[in-house]
Amino acid sequence: MLKAGSTGNVIAALCNVFFPGLGQLIQGRLFLALFIFITVTVGYWFWFLVFPAIFAALIHLFSILNAATYKRD
């Protein structure tokens, strides 16, 4: 089993830095990965409205931290 901070989680977190949701996809969490990818992509697409970009940045940060601290039960 992978522990929080293990090599797999670090790789997943680094993948999330470049492609939101990819780390969750690597960890086998398909629906969360799709939600994060769509939410962050749409939020960054509407960057000129400011609020969606801030919300997307927070979700992006959450995805990185979530992948880094994930523990499989």
Protein backbone atom coordinates (compact mmCIF):
# COMPACT_ATOMS: atom_id res chain seq x y z
CA MET A 1 0.00 0.00 0.00
CA LEU A 2 1.09 3.54 -0.66
CA LYS A 3 1.50 5.87 2.29
CA ALA A 4 1.12 9.64 2.27
CA GLY A 5 4.37 11.10 0.98
CA SER A 6 5.38 7.91 -0.82
CA THR A 7 7.09 8.02 -4.20
CA GLY A 8 3.84 7.32 -6.05
CA ASN A 9 2.10 10.20 -4.33
CA VAL A 10 4.96 12.58 -5.08
CA ILE A 11 4.86 11.62 -8.75
CA ALA A 12 1.07 12.08 -8.78
CA ALA A 13 1.41 15.52 -7.18
CA LEU A 14 4.02 16.56 -9.76
CA CYS A 15 1.73 15.38 -12.56
CA ASN A 16 -1.02 17.56 -11.11
CA VAL A 17 1.21 20.61 -11.26
CA PHE A 18 1.31 20.40 -15.05
CA PHE A 19 -2.05 18.73 -15.84
CA PRO A 20 -4.79 19.15 -13.25
CA GLY A 21 -6.38 15.80 -12.38
CA LEU A 22 -3.66 13.64 -13.90
CA GLY A 23 -2.34 12.67 -10.47
CA GLN A 24 -5.76 11.44 -9.39
CA LEU A 25 -6.04 9.53 -12.65
CA ILE A 26 -2.69 7.85 -11.98
CA GLN A 27 -3.95 6.90 -8.52
CA GLY A 28 -7.05 5.32 -10.06
CA ARG A 29 -9.62 7.94 -9.04
CA LEU A 30 -11.30 8.56 -12.39
CA PHE A 31 -14.33 10.66 -11.39
CA LEU A 32 -12.35 13.01 -9.15
CA ALA A 33 -9.77 13.38 -11.93
CA LEU A 34 -12.46 14.30 -14.47
CA PHE A 35 -14.10 16.75 -12.06
CA ILE A 36 -10.80 18.48 -11.31
CA PHE A 37 -9.73 18.62 -14.95
CA ILE A 38 -13.03 20.05 -16.18
CA THR A 39 -13.39 22.52 -13.31
CA VAL A 40 -9.85 23.87 -13.57
CA THR A 41 -9.90 24.00 -17.37
CA VAL A 42 -13.17 25.92 -17.49
CA GLY A 43 -12.06 28.22 -14.67
CA TYR A 44 -8.77 29.04 -16.36
CA TRP A 45 -10.59 29.50 -19.68
CA PHE A 46 -12.65 32.31 -18.10
CA TRP A 47 -9.60 33.96 -16.49
CA PHE A 48 -10.81 37.41 -17.53
CA LEU A 49 -13.79 37.15 -15.15
CA VAL A 50 -11.31 36.89 -12.22
CA PHE A 51 -13.52 34.86 -9.82
CA PRO A 52 -13.52 31.66 -11.94
CA ALA A 53 -9.73 31.89 -12.25
CA ILE A 54 -9.31 32.24 -8.48
CA PHE A 55 -11.68 29.32 -7.89
CA ALA A 56 -9.81 27.24 -10.48
CA ALA A 57 -6.46 28.05 -8.87
CA LEU A 58 -7.78 26.91 -5.49
CA ILE A 59 -9.10 23.66 -6.99
CA HIS A 60 -5.75 23.18 -8.76
CA LEU A 61 -3.89 23.63 -5.46
CA PHE A 62 -6.33 21.24 -3.76
CA SER A 63 -5.66 18.60 -6.43
CA ILE A 64 -1.91 18.82 -5.88
CA LEU A 65 -2.21 18.53 -2.10
CA ASN A 66 -4.84 15.82 -2.37
CA ALA A 67 -2.65 13.67 -4.60
CA ALA A 68 0.36 14.16 -2.32
CA THR A 69 -1.48 13.13 0.84
CA TYR A 70 -3.71 10.37 -0.58
CA LYS A 71 -3.91 7.14 1.43
CA ARG A 72 -5.59 4.10 -0.02
CA ASP A 73 -7.81 2.44 2.59
